[in-house]
Amino acid sequence: MKANQLKNGDTISVDGDHLVVFHFCEEQGQVVLDVVSEVSARRFELHYAPDARISVLS
């Protein structure tokens, strides 16, 4: 799925970790995702180009 098609609640896979998207926005030509790891409960902010391909689990 392309980064700009994600929505809140989607679970994505990044380097083997499952991350739940809890906030999604586009700013300055990038997609910005606030995500929480299902394993460690750590929060991350990820930046992607709008057309970047992301592995979505749900």
PDB file of N, CA and C in Angstrom:
ATOM      1  N   MET A   1       0.851  -1.164   0.000  1.00  0.00           N
ATOM      2  CA  MET A   1       0.000   0.000   0.000  1.00  0.00           C
ATOM      3  C   MET A   1       0.905   1.237   0.000  1.00  0.00           C
ATOM      4  N   LYS A   2       0.466   2.295  -0.648  1.00  0.00           N
ATOM      5  CA  LYS A   2       1.237   3.537  -0.647  1.00  0.00           C
ATOM      6  C   LYS A   2       1.061   4.256   0.686  1.00  0.00           C
ATOM      7  N   ALA A   3       2.091   4.975   1.091  1.00  0.00           N
ATOM      8  CA  ALA A   3       2.084   5.655   2.389  1.00  0.00           C
ATOM      9  C   ALA A   3       0.888   6.589   2.546  1.00  0.00           C
ATOM     10  N   ASN A   4       0.504   7.288   1.474  1.00  0.00           N
ATOM     11  CA  ASN A   4      -0.599   8.244   1.603  1.00  0.00           C
ATOM     12  C   ASN A   4      -1.972   7.577   1.630  1.00  0.00           C
ATOM     13  N   GLN A   5      -2.036   6.247   1.582  1.00  0.00           N
ATOM     14  CA  GLN A   5      -3.300   5.514   1.674  1.00  0.00           C
ATOM     15  C   GLN A   5      -3.520   4.916   3.061  1.00  0.00           C
ATOM     16  N   LEU A   6      -2.552   5.061   3.949  1.00  0.00           N
ATOM     17  CA  LEU A   6      -2.690   4.522   5.303  1.00  0.00           C
ATOM     18  C   LEU A   6      -3.753   5.288   6.077  1.00  0.00           C
ATOM     19  N   LYS A   7      -4.255   4.649   7.129  1.00  0.00           N
ATOM     20  CA  LYS A   7      -5.217   5.314   8.003  1.00  0.00           C
ATOM     21  C   LYS A   7      -4.944   4.906   9.451  1.00  0.00           C
ATOM     22  N   ASN A   8      -5.504   5.662  10.378  1.00  0.00           N
ATOM     23  CA  ASN A   8      -5.342   5.344  11.790  1.00  0.00           C
ATOM     24  C   ASN A   8      -5.850   3.933  12.060  1.00  0.00           C
ATOM     25  N   GLY A   9      -5.107   3.188  12.869  1.00  0.00           N
ATOM     26  CA  GLY A   9      -5.484   1.825  13.221  1.00  0.00           C
ATOM     27  C   GLY A   9      -4.838   0.757  12.363  1.00  0.00           C
ATOM     28  N   ASP A  10      -4.257   1.135  11.211  1.00  0.00           N
ATOM     29  CA  ASP A  10      -3.551   0.156  10.381  1.00  0.00           C
ATOM     30  C   ASP A  10      -2.324  -0.364  11.130  1.00  0.00           C
ATOM     31  N   THR A  11      -1.993  -1.617  10.920  1.00  0.00           N
ATOM     32  CA  THR A  11      -0.772  -2.203  11.468  1.00  0.00           C
ATOM     33  C   THR A  11       0.193  -2.409  10.317  1.00  0.00           C
ATOM     34  N   ILE A  12       1.402  -1.867  10.468  1.00  0.00           N
ATOM     35  CA  ILE A  12       2.410  -1.979   9.416  1.00  0.00           C
ATOM     36  C   ILE A  12       3.601  -2.774   9.942  1.00  0.00           C
ATOM     37  N   SER A  13       4.374  -3.318   9.025  1.00  0.00           N
ATOM     38  CA  SER A  13       5.567  -4.077   9.387  1.00  0.00           C
ATOM     39  C   SER A  13       6.793  -3.285   8.955  1.00  0.00           C
ATOM     40  N   VAL A  14       7.675  -2.991   9.915  1.00  0.00           N
ATOM     41  CA  VAL A  14       8.915  -2.267   9.641  1.00  0.00           C
ATOM     42  C   VAL A  14      10.051  -3.030  10.307  1.00  0.00           C
ATOM     43  N   ASP A  15      10.957  -3.558   9.506  1.00  0.00           N
ATOM     44  CA  ASP A  15      12.102  -4.323  10.016  1.00  0.00           C
ATOM     45  C   ASP A  15      11.675  -5.427  10.983  1.00  0.00           C
ATOM     46  N   GLY A  16      10.564  -6.093  10.679  1.00  0.00           N
ATOM     47  CA  GLY A  16      10.104  -7.211  11.493  1.00  0.00           C
ATOM     48  C   GLY A  16       9.267  -6.829  12.697  1.00  0.00           C
ATOM     49  N   ASP A  17       9.150  -5.541  12.993  1.00  0.00           N
ATOM     50  CA  ASP A  17       8.337  -5.090  14.122  1.00  0.00           C
ATOM     51  C   ASP A  17       6.961  -4.695  13.599  1.00  0.00           C
ATOM     52  N   HIS A  18       5.924  -5.007  14.354  1.00  0.00           N
ATOM     53  CA  HIS A  18       4.569  -4.616  13.988  1.00  0.00           C
ATOM     54  C   HIS A  18       4.257  -3.303  14.689  1.00  0.00           C
ATOM     55  N   LEU A  19       3.905  -2.299  13.897  1.00  0.00           N
ATOM     56  CA  LEU A  19       3.648  -0.962  14.411  1.00  0.00           C
ATOM     57  C   LEU A  19       2.218  -0.560  14.084  1.00  0.00           C
ATOM     58  N   VAL A  20       1.510  -0.012  15.076  1.00  0.00           N
ATOM     59  CA  VAL A  20       0.135   0.428  14.887  1.00  0.00           C
ATOM     60  C   VAL A  20       0.134   1.938  14.664  1.00  0.00           C
ATOM     61  N   VAL A  21      -0.503   2.362  13.578  1.00  0.00           N
ATOM     62  CA  VAL A  21      -0.594   3.786  13.248  1.00  0.00           C
ATOM     63  C   VAL A  21      -1.666   4.420  14.130  1.00  0.00           C
ATOM     64  N   PHE A  22      -1.289   5.432  14.937  1.00  0.00           N
ATOM     65  CA  PHE A  22      -2.304   6.118  15.723  1.00  0.00           C
ATOM     66  C   PHE A  22      -2.479   7.563  15.295  1.00  0.00           C
ATOM     67  N   HIS A  23      -1.610   8.073  14.446  1.00  0.00           N
ATOM     68  CA  HIS A  23      -1.806   9.404  13.871  1.00  0.00           C
ATOM     69  C   HIS A  23      -1.116   9.448  12.524  1.00  0.00           C
ATOM     70  N   PHE A  24      -1.794  10.057  11.563  1.00  0.00           N
ATOM     71  CA  PHE A  24      -1.316  10.124  10.189  1.00  0.00           C
ATOM     72  C   PHE A  24      -1.554  11.540   9.689  1.00  0.00           C
ATOM     73  N   CYS A  25      -0.548  12.136   9.057  1.00  0.00           N
ATOM     74  CA  CYS A  25      -0.751  13.439   8.423  1.00  0.00           C
ATOM     75  C   CYS A  25       0.247  13.607   7.287  1.00  0.00           C
ATOM     76  N   GLU A  26      -0.010  14.585   6.447  1.00  0.00           N
ATOM     77  CA  GLU A  26       0.918  14.932   5.379  1.00  0.00           C
ATOM     78  C   GLU A  26       1.381  16.354   5.623  1.00  0.00           C
ATOM     79  N   GLU A  27       2.696  16.550   5.604  1.00  0.00           N
ATOM     80  CA  GLU A  27       3.247  17.892   5.768  1.00  0.00           C
ATOM     81  C   GLU A  27       4.552  18.003   5.001  1.00  0.00           C
ATOM     82  N   GLN A  28       4.747  19.147   4.392  1.00  0.00           N
ATOM     83  CA  GLN A  28       5.956  19.452   3.627  1.00  0.00           C
ATOM     84  C   GLN A  28       6.290  18.354   2.623  1.00  0.00           C
ATOM     85  N   GLY A  29       5.262  17.812   1.959  1.00  0.00           N
ATOM     86  CA  GLY A  29       5.473  16.814   0.921  1.00  0.00           C
ATOM     87  C   GLY A  29       5.797  15.423   1.419  1.00  0.00           C
ATOM     88  N   GLN A  30       5.691  15.195   2.727  1.00  0.00           N
ATOM     89  CA  GLN A  30       5.962  13.876   3.296  1.00  0.00           C
ATOM     90  C   GLN A  30       4.747  13.376   4.064  1.00  0.00           C
ATOM     91  N   VAL A  31       4.642  12.055   4.158  1.00  0.00           N
ATOM     92  CA  VAL A  31       3.655  11.429   5.027  1.00  0.00           C
ATOM     93  C   VAL A  31       4.344  11.199   6.368  1.00  0.00           C
ATOM     94  N   VAL A  32       3.723  11.682   7.438  1.00  0.00           N
ATOM     95  CA  VAL A  32       4.280  11.535   8.783  1.00  0.00           C
ATOM     96  C   VAL A  32       3.358  10.606   9.570  1.00  0.00           C
ATOM     97  N   LEU A  33       3.943   9.532  10.090  1.00  0.00           N
ATOM     98  CA  LEU A  33       3.189   8.552  10.859  1.00  0.00           C
ATOM     99  C   LEU A  33       3.673   8.546  12.300  1.00  0.00           C
ATOM    100  N   ASP A  34       2.741   8.654  13.236  1.00  0.00           N
ATOM    101  CA  ASP A  34       3.037   8.372  14.638  1.00  0.00           C
ATOM    102  C   ASP A  34       2.567   6.948  14.862  1.00  0.00           C
ATOM    103  N   VAL A  35       3.473   6.095  15.297  1.00  0.00           N
ATOM    104  CA  VAL A  35       3.175   4.670  15.452  1.00  0.00           C
ATOM    105  C   VAL A  35       3.625   4.179  16.821  1.00  0.00           C
ATOM    106  N   VAL A  36       3.017   3.071  17.257  1.00  0.00           N
ATOM    107  CA  VAL A  36       3.389   2.424  18.517  1.00  0.00           C
ATOM    108  C   VAL A  36       3.700   0.966  18.217  1.00  0.00           C
ATOM    109  N   SER A  37       4.813   0.478  18.762  1.00  0.00           N
ATOM    110  CA  SER A  37       5.203  -0.918  18.590  1.00  0.00           C
ATOM    111  C   SER A  37       4.273  -1.817  19.389  1.00  0.00           C
ATOM    112  N   GLU A  38       3.788  -2.890  18.752  1.00  0.00           N
ATOM    113  CA  GLU A  38       2.946  -3.863  19.458  1.00  0.00           C
ATOM    114  C   GLU A  38       3.742  -4.628  20.505  1.00  0.00           C
ATOM    115  N   VAL A  39       5.043  -4.763  20.307  1.00  0.00           N
ATOM    116  CA  VAL A  39       5.876  -5.563  21.204  1.00  0.00           C
ATOM    117  C   VAL A  39       6.357  -4.750  22.404  1.00  0.00           C
ATOM    118  N   SER A  40       6.954  -3.599  22.143  1.00  0.00           N
ATOM    119  CA  SER A  40       7.597  -2.844  23.221  1.00  0.00           C
ATOM    120  C   SER A  40       6.785  -1.648  23.708  1.00  0.00           C
ATOM    121  N   ALA A  41       5.695  -1.310  23.016  1.00  0.00           N
ATOM    122  CA  ALA A  41       4.863  -0.141  23.325  1.00  0.00           C
ATOM    123  C   ALA A  41       5.623   1.176  23.154  1.00  0.00           C
ATOM    124  N   ARG A  42       6.759   1.129  22.462  1.00  0.00           N
ATOM    125  CA  ARG A  42       7.512   2.359  22.189  1.00  0.00           C
ATOM    126  C   ARG A  42       6.851   3.118  21.054  1.00  0.00           C
ATOM    127  N   ARG A  43       6.954   4.437  21.130  1.00  0.00           N
ATOM    128  CA  ARG A  43       6.366   5.309  20.115  1.00  0.00           C
ATOM    129  C   ARG A  43       7.449   5.776  19.158  1.00  0.00           C
ATOM    130  N   PHE A  44       7.102   5.837  17.876  1.00  0.00           N
ATOM    131  CA  PHE A  44       8.031   6.286  16.840  1.00  0.00           C
ATOM    132  C   PHE A  44       7.326   7.267  15.917  1.00  0.00           C
ATOM    133  N   GLU A  45       8.103   8.161  15.312  1.00  0.00           N
ATOM    134  CA  GLU A  45       7.604   9.022  14.245  1.00  0.00           C
ATOM    135  C   GLU A  45       8.355   8.635  12.983  1.00  0.00           C
ATOM    136  N   LEU A  46       7.621   8.242  11.955  1.00  0.00           N
ATOM    137  CA  LEU A  46       8.213   7.801  10.698  1.00  0.00           C
ATOM    138  C   LEU A  46       7.832   8.765   9.590  1.00  0.00           C
ATOM    139  N   HIS A  47       8.763   9.015   8.672  1.00  0.00           N
ATOM    140  CA  HIS A  47       8.527   9.913   7.538  1.00  0.00           C
ATOM    141  C   HIS A  47       8.718   9.132   6.245  1.00  0.00           C
ATOM    142  N   TYR A  48       7.767   9.282   5.335  1.00  0.00           N
ATOM    143  CA  TYR A  48       7.816   8.591   4.046  1.00  0.00           C
ATOM    144  C   TYR A  48       7.422   9.547   2.929  1.00  0.00           C
ATOM    145  N   ALA A  49       7.906   9.258   1.729  1.00  0.00           N
ATOM    146  CA  ALA A  49       7.389   9.929   0.539  1.00  0.00           C
ATOM    147  C   ALA A  49       5.955   9.428   0.342  1.00  0.00           C
ATOM    148  N   PRO A  50       5.052  10.271  -0.181  1.00  0.00           N
ATOM    149  CA  PRO A  50       3.651   9.859  -0.337  1.00  0.00           C
ATOM    150  C   PRO A  50       3.460   8.585  -1.154  1.00  0.00           C
ATOM    151  N   ASP A  51       4.353   8.312  -2.110  1.00  0.00           N
ATOM    152  CA  ASP A  51       4.180   7.129  -2.951  1.00  0.00           C
ATOM    153  C   ASP A  51       5.044   5.944  -2.515  1.00  0.00           C
ATOM    154  N   ALA A  52       5.665   6.032  -1.328  1.00  0.00           N
ATOM    155  CA  ALA A  52       6.471   4.919  -0.798  1.00  0.00           C
ATOM    156  C   ALA A  52       5.561   3.727  -0.516  1.00  0.00           C
ATOM    157  N   ARG A  53       6.044   2.519  -0.795  1.00  0.00           N
ATOM    158  CA  ARG A  53       5.277   1.297  -0.550  1.00  0.00           C
ATOM    159  C   ARG A  53       5.540   0.812   0.882  1.00  0.00           C
ATOM    160  N   ILE A  54       4.462   0.521   1.607  1.00  0.00           N
ATOM    161  CA  ILE A  54       4.552   0.088   2.999  1.00  0.00           C
ATOM    162  C   ILE A  54       3.760  -1.204   3.155  1.00  0.00           C
ATOM    163  N   SER A  55       4.327  -2.147   3.905  1.00  0.00           N
ATOM    164  CA  SER A  55       3.672  -3.429   4.144  1.00  0.00           C
ATOM    165  C   SER A  55       2.627  -3.276   5.253  1.00  0.00           C
ATOM    166  N   VAL A  56       1.359  -3.468   4.897  1.00  0.00           N
ATOM    167  CA  VAL A  56       0.257  -3.327   5.849  1.00  0.00           C
ATOM    168  C   VAL A  56      -0.240  -4.716   6.234  1.00  0.00           C
ATOM    169  N   LEU A  57      -0.387  -4.949   7.537  1.00  0.00           N
ATOM    170  CA  LEU A  57      -0.820  -6.253   8.041  1.00  0.00           C
ATOM    171  C   LEU A  57      -2.323  -6.316   8.273  1.00  0.00           C
ATOM    172  N   SER A  58      -2.946  -5.180   8.527  1.00  0.00           N
ATOM    173  CA  SER A  58      -4.408  -5.195   8.744  1.00  0.00           C
ATOM    174  C   SER A  58      -5.047  -3.981   8.145  1.00  0.00           C
TER     175      SER A  58
END
